[in-house]
C-alpha atoms as a PDB file:
ATOM      1  CA  MET A   1       0.019 -16.756  -5.326  1.00  0.00           C
ATOM      2  CA  LEU A   2       1.493 -13.841  -3.363  1.00  0.00           C
ATOM      3  CA  ILE A   3      -1.340 -11.525  -4.372  1.00  0.00           C
ATOM      4  CA  THR A   4      -3.994 -14.003  -3.239  1.00  0.00           C
ATOM      5  CA  ILE A   5      -2.260 -14.766   0.055  1.00  0.00           C
ATOM      6  CA  SER A   6      -1.553 -11.105   0.817  1.00  0.00           C
ATOM      7  CA  LEU A   7      -5.191 -10.192   0.154  1.00  0.00           C
ATOM      8  CA  LEU A   8      -6.366 -13.062   2.371  1.00  0.00           C
ATOM      9  CA  ILE A   9      -3.981 -12.037   5.136  1.00  0.00           C
ATOM     10  CA  LEU A  10      -5.199  -8.439   4.870  1.00  0.00           C
ATOM     11  CA  ALA A  11      -8.845  -9.556   5.102  1.00  0.00           C
ATOM     12  CA  TYR A  12      -8.158 -12.033   7.929  1.00  0.00           C
ATOM     13  CA  THR A  13      -6.191  -9.444   9.907  1.00  0.00           C
ATOM     14  CA  ILE A  14      -8.938  -6.836   9.512  1.00  0.00           C
ATOM     15  CA  LEU A  15     -11.450  -9.437  10.709  1.00  0.00           C
ATOM     16  CA  GLY A  16      -9.196 -10.519  13.603  1.00  0.00           C
ATOM     17  CA  LYS A  17      -8.648 -14.066  12.334  1.00  0.00           C
ATOM     18  CA  ASP A  18      -5.504 -16.189  12.639  1.00  0.00           C
ATOM     19  CA  THR A  19      -3.075 -15.817   9.725  1.00  0.00           C
ATOM     20  CA  SER A  20      -0.264 -18.129  10.872  1.00  0.00           C
ATOM     21  CA  GLY A  21      -1.092 -20.863   8.341  1.00  0.00           C
ATOM     22  CA  LEU A  22      -0.967 -18.380   5.478  1.00  0.00           C
ATOM     23  CA  LEU A  23       2.253 -16.822   6.744  1.00  0.00           C
ATOM     24  CA  GLU A  24       3.957 -20.232   6.534  1.00  0.00           C
ATOM     25  CA  LYS A  25       3.269 -20.331   2.794  1.00  0.00           C
ATOM     26  CA  VAL A  26       5.175 -17.113   2.049  1.00  0.00           C
ATOM     27  CA  LYS A  27       8.277 -17.381   4.229  1.00  0.00           C
ATOM     28  CA  ARG A  28      10.639 -17.692   1.264  1.00  0.00           C
ATOM     29  CA  ILE A  29       9.331 -14.863  -0.914  1.00  0.00           C
ATOM     30  CA  ASP A  30      11.930 -12.794  -2.780  1.00  0.00           C
ATOM     31  CA  TRP A  31      10.747  -9.437  -1.416  1.00  0.00           C
ATOM     32  CA  ARG A  32      13.398  -7.397  -3.213  1.00  0.00           C
ATOM     33  CA  ASN A  33      12.044  -8.520  -6.586  1.00  0.00           C
ATOM     34  CA  LYS A  34       8.389  -8.013  -5.575  1.00  0.00           C
ATOM     35  CA  ILE A  35       9.099  -4.549  -4.191  1.00  0.00           C
ATOM     36  CA  ASN A  36      10.998  -3.487  -7.318  1.00  0.00           C
ATOM     37  CA  MET A  37       8.196  -4.703  -9.602  1.00  0.00           C
ATOM     38  CA  LEU A  38       5.511  -3.017  -7.518  1.00  0.00           C
ATOM     39  CA  ILE A  39       6.720   0.543  -8.125  1.00  0.00           C
ATOM     40  CA  TYR A  40       6.297   0.056 -11.886  1.00  0.00           C
ATOM     41  CA  LYS A  41       2.715  -1.106 -11.401  1.00  0.00           C
ATOM     42  CA  LEU A  42       1.997   1.706  -8.963  1.00  0.00           C
ATOM     43  CA  ARG A  43       3.085   4.591 -11.213  1.00  0.00           C
ATOM     44  CA  PRO A  44       0.417   4.309 -13.986  1.00  0.00           C
ATOM     45  CA  TRP A  45      -2.311   3.979 -11.350  1.00  0.00           C
ATOM     46  CA  ALA A  46      -0.888   6.936  -9.419  1.00  0.00           C
ATOM     47  CA  LEU A  47      -0.910   9.218 -12.442  1.00  0.00           C
ATOM     48  CA  LYS A  48      -4.651   8.584 -12.793  1.00  0.00           C
ATOM     49  CA  ALA A  49      -5.442   8.740  -9.056  1.00  0.00           C
ATOM     50  CA  GLY A  50      -3.501  11.890  -8.209  1.00  0.00           C
ATOM     51  CA  ARG A  51      -0.881  13.083  -5.790  1.00  0.00           C
ATOM     52  CA  VAL A  52      -2.915  13.022  -2.561  1.00  0.00           C
ATOM     53  CA  THR A  53      -4.240   9.507  -3.116  1.00  0.00           C
ATOM     54  CA  THR A  54      -0.806   8.223  -4.077  1.00  0.00           C
ATOM     55  CA  ARG A  55       1.028   9.524  -0.986  1.00  0.00           C
ATOM     56  CA  PRO A  56      -0.009   6.765   1.489  1.00  0.00           C
ATOM     57  CA  LEU A  57       0.693   4.026  -1.038  1.00  0.00           C
ATOM     58  CA  LEU A  58       4.214   5.365  -1.577  1.00  0.00           C
ATOM     59  CA  GLN A  59       4.677   5.560   2.193  1.00  0.00           C
ATOM     60  CA  PHE A  60       3.593   1.920   2.351  1.00  0.00           C
ATOM     61  CA  TYR A  61       5.985   1.039  -0.462  1.00  0.00           C
ATOM     62  CA  TYR A  62       9.007   2.489   1.335  1.00  0.00           C
ATOM     63  CA  VAL A  63       8.073   0.918   4.682  1.00  0.00           C
ATOM     64  CA  MET A  64       7.712  -2.421   2.888  1.00  0.00           C
ATOM     65  CA  ALA A  65      11.184  -1.959   1.353  1.00  0.00           C
ATOM     66  CA  ASP A  66      12.761  -1.433   4.794  1.00  0.00           C
ATOM     67  CA  GLU A  67      14.667  -4.540   5.877  1.00  0.00           C
ATOM     68  CA  LYS A  68      13.321  -4.168   9.444  1.00  0.00           C
ATOM     69  CA  THR A  69       9.692  -4.572   8.315  1.00  0.00           C
ATOM     70  CA  SER A  70       8.177  -7.894   9.399  1.00  0.00           C
ATOM     71  CA  ILE A  71       6.777 -10.407   6.914  1.00  0.00           C
ATOM     72  CA  LEU A  72       3.248  -9.819   8.252  1.00  0.00           C
ATOM     73  CA  ASP A  73       3.542  -6.050   7.798  1.00  0.00           C
ATOM     74  CA  ARG A  74       4.998  -6.531   4.309  1.00  0.00           C
ATOM     75  CA  LEU A  75       2.090  -8.766   3.365  1.00  0.00           C
ATOM     76  CA  LEU A  76      -0.450  -6.297   4.761  1.00  0.00           C
ATOM     77  CA  ILE A  77       1.193  -3.432   2.881  1.00  0.00           C
ATOM     78  CA  TYR A  78       1.482  -5.460  -0.322  1.00  0.00           C
ATOM     79  CA  GLY A  79      -2.155  -6.500  -0.002  1.00  0.00           C
ATOM     80  CA  ALA A  80      -3.342  -2.924   0.547  1.00  0.00           C
ATOM     81  CA  ILE A  81      -1.361  -1.569  -2.412  1.00  0.00           C
ATOM     82  CA  VAL A  82      -2.418  -4.366  -4.754  1.00  0.00           C
ATOM     83  CA  TYR A  83      -6.056  -4.190  -3.653  1.00  0.00           C
ATOM     84  CA  THR A  84      -6.088  -0.452  -4.262  1.00  0.00           C
ATOM     85  CA  ILE A  85      -4.489  -0.534  -7.716  1.00  0.00           C
ATOM     86  CA  LEU A  86      -6.223  -3.652  -9.059  1.00  0.00           C
ATOM     87  CA  PRO A  87      -9.116  -2.835 -11.373  1.00  0.00           C
ATOM     88  CA  MET A  88     -11.318  -5.407  -9.582  1.00  0.00           C
ATOM     89  CA  ASP A  89     -12.741  -4.862  -6.100  1.00  0.00           C
ATOM     90  CA  LEU A  90     -14.742  -6.857  -3.617  1.00  0.00           C
ATOM     91  CA  LEU A  91     -17.352  -4.095  -3.854  1.00  0.00           C
ATOM     92  CA  PRO A  92     -17.205  -2.730  -7.435  1.00  0.00           C
ATOM     93  CA  LYS A  93     -17.356   1.078  -7.589  1.00  0.00           C
ATOM     94  CA  VAL A  94     -19.620   0.957 -10.647  1.00  0.00           C
ATOM     95  CA  ILE A  95     -22.301  -0.947  -8.742  1.00  0.00           C
ATOM     96  CA  TYR A  96     -21.860   0.155  -5.132  1.00  0.00           C
ATOM     97  CA  LYS A  97     -20.681   3.763  -5.719  1.00  0.00           C
ATOM     98  CA  PHE A  98     -19.546   5.128  -2.339  1.00  0.00           C
ATOM     99  CA  LEU A  99     -19.229   1.688  -0.722  1.00  0.00           C
ATOM    100  CA  GLY A 100     -17.034   0.633  -3.631  1.00  0.00           C
ATOM    101  CA  ILE A 101     -14.618   3.420  -2.769  1.00  0.00           C
ATOM    102  CA  MET A 102     -14.809   2.748   0.951  1.00  0.00           C
ATOM    103  CA  ASP A 103     -13.447  -0.803   0.749  1.00  0.00           C
ATOM    104  CA  ASP A 104     -10.168   0.563  -0.661  1.00  0.00           C
ATOM    105  CA  GLY A 105     -10.189   3.222   2.050  1.00  0.00           C
ATOM    106  CA  VAL A 106     -10.703   0.667   4.812  1.00  0.00           C
ATOM    107  CA  ALA A 107      -7.730  -1.362   3.583  1.00  0.00           C
ATOM    108  CA  ILE A 108      -5.512   1.725   3.376  1.00  0.00           C
ATOM    109  CA  LEU A 109      -6.620   3.103   6.739  1.00  0.00           C
ATOM    110  CA  PHE A 110      -6.195  -0.237   8.509  1.00  0.00           C
ATOM    111  CA  VAL A 111      -2.659  -0.714   7.209  1.00  0.00           C
ATOM    112  CA  TYR A 112      -1.761   2.949   7.778  1.00  0.00           C
ATOM    113  CA  LYS A 113      -2.740   2.715  11.450  1.00  0.00           C
ATOM    114  CA  LYS A 114      -0.664  -0.433  11.793  1.00  0.00           C
ATOM    115  CA  ILE A 115       2.535   0.930  10.211  1.00  0.00           C
ATOM    116  CA  LYS A 116       2.384   4.717  10.664  1.00  0.00           C
ATOM    117  CA  ASP A 117       5.112   4.675  13.324  1.00  0.00           C
ATOM    118  CA  LYS A 118       7.471   3.155  10.722  1.00  0.00           C
ATOM    119  CA  ILE A 119       7.098   6.129   8.345  1.00  0.00           C
ATOM    120  CA  THR A 120      10.349   7.937   9.072  1.00  0.00           C
ATOM    121  CA  PRO A 121      11.404  11.439   7.966  1.00  0.00           C
ATOM    122  CA  GLU A 122      13.704   9.716   5.444  1.00  0.00           C
ATOM    123  CA  ILE A 123      10.718   7.882   3.965  1.00  0.00           C
ATOM    124  CA  GLU A 124       8.766  11.155   3.800  1.00  0.00           C
ATOM    125  CA  VAL A 125      11.615  12.724   1.795  1.00  0.00           C
ATOM    126  CA  LYS A 126      11.674   9.766  -0.613  1.00  0.00           C
ATOM    127  CA  VAL A 127       7.894   9.947  -1.031  1.00  0.00           C
ATOM    128  CA  GLU A 128       7.997  13.691  -1.695  1.00  0.00           C
ATOM    129  CA  ASN A 129      10.786  13.217  -4.258  1.00  0.00           C
ATOM    130  CA  ILE A 130       8.816  10.552  -6.140  1.00  0.00           C
ATOM    131  CA  LEU A 131       5.636  12.644  -6.011  1.00  0.00           C
ATOM    132  CA  ASN A 132       7.542  15.647  -7.363  1.00  0.00           C
ATOM    133  CA  ASP A 133       9.025  13.491 -10.104  1.00  0.00           C
ATOM    134  CA  TRP A 134       5.648  12.044 -11.110  1.00  0.00           C
ATOM    135  CA  PHE A 135       3.430  15.105 -10.606  1.00  0.00           C
ATOM    136  CA  GLY A 136       5.773  18.092 -10.605  1.00  0.00           C
ATOM    137  CA  VAL A 137       6.997  20.139  -7.679  1.00  0.00           C
ATOM    138  CA  GLU A 138       4.336  21.073  -5.144  1.00  0.00           C
ATOM    139  CA  TYR A 139       4.719  24.577  -3.794  1.00  0.00           C
ATOM    140  CA  LYS A 140       3.836  25.153  -0.166  1.00  0.00           C
ATOM    141  CA  LEU A 141       3.245  28.455   1.509  1.00  0.00           C
ATOM    142  CA  ILE A 142       5.766  29.116   4.216  1.00  0.00           C
ATOM    143  CA  GLU A 143       4.334  30.753   7.289  1.00  0.00           C
ATOM    144  CA  GLY A 144       6.586  33.242   8.835  1.00  0.00           C
END
């Protein structure tokens, strides 16, 4: 139920439609449990998708885990992560090629613009630590 509602809320919000009726249905969600389960579903997808593609989804994950994040923002984030990692898409990549990739990108970009101010330096450190754990340490050139 949560997946369906979060995807509907994501689509409705992108289209500028009212989501208040849907929000009423998910007021009592156990977010702690959903957030903890999500990281285990995210990791196998991430290892196939790569470090760069995984970064925004991990940023979303940690913003969603923050107690100060609103229910609407949590649902948008959850919807964007689930839509990206689900094997099925509204526009299948096999059939629509570039457009099939773009629908995931639109969801990620929309949510990123909405929550980017909530991505703190602490979240960035957590994301970098997870990325290093999953993909190995990334070396950066230091200008100086």
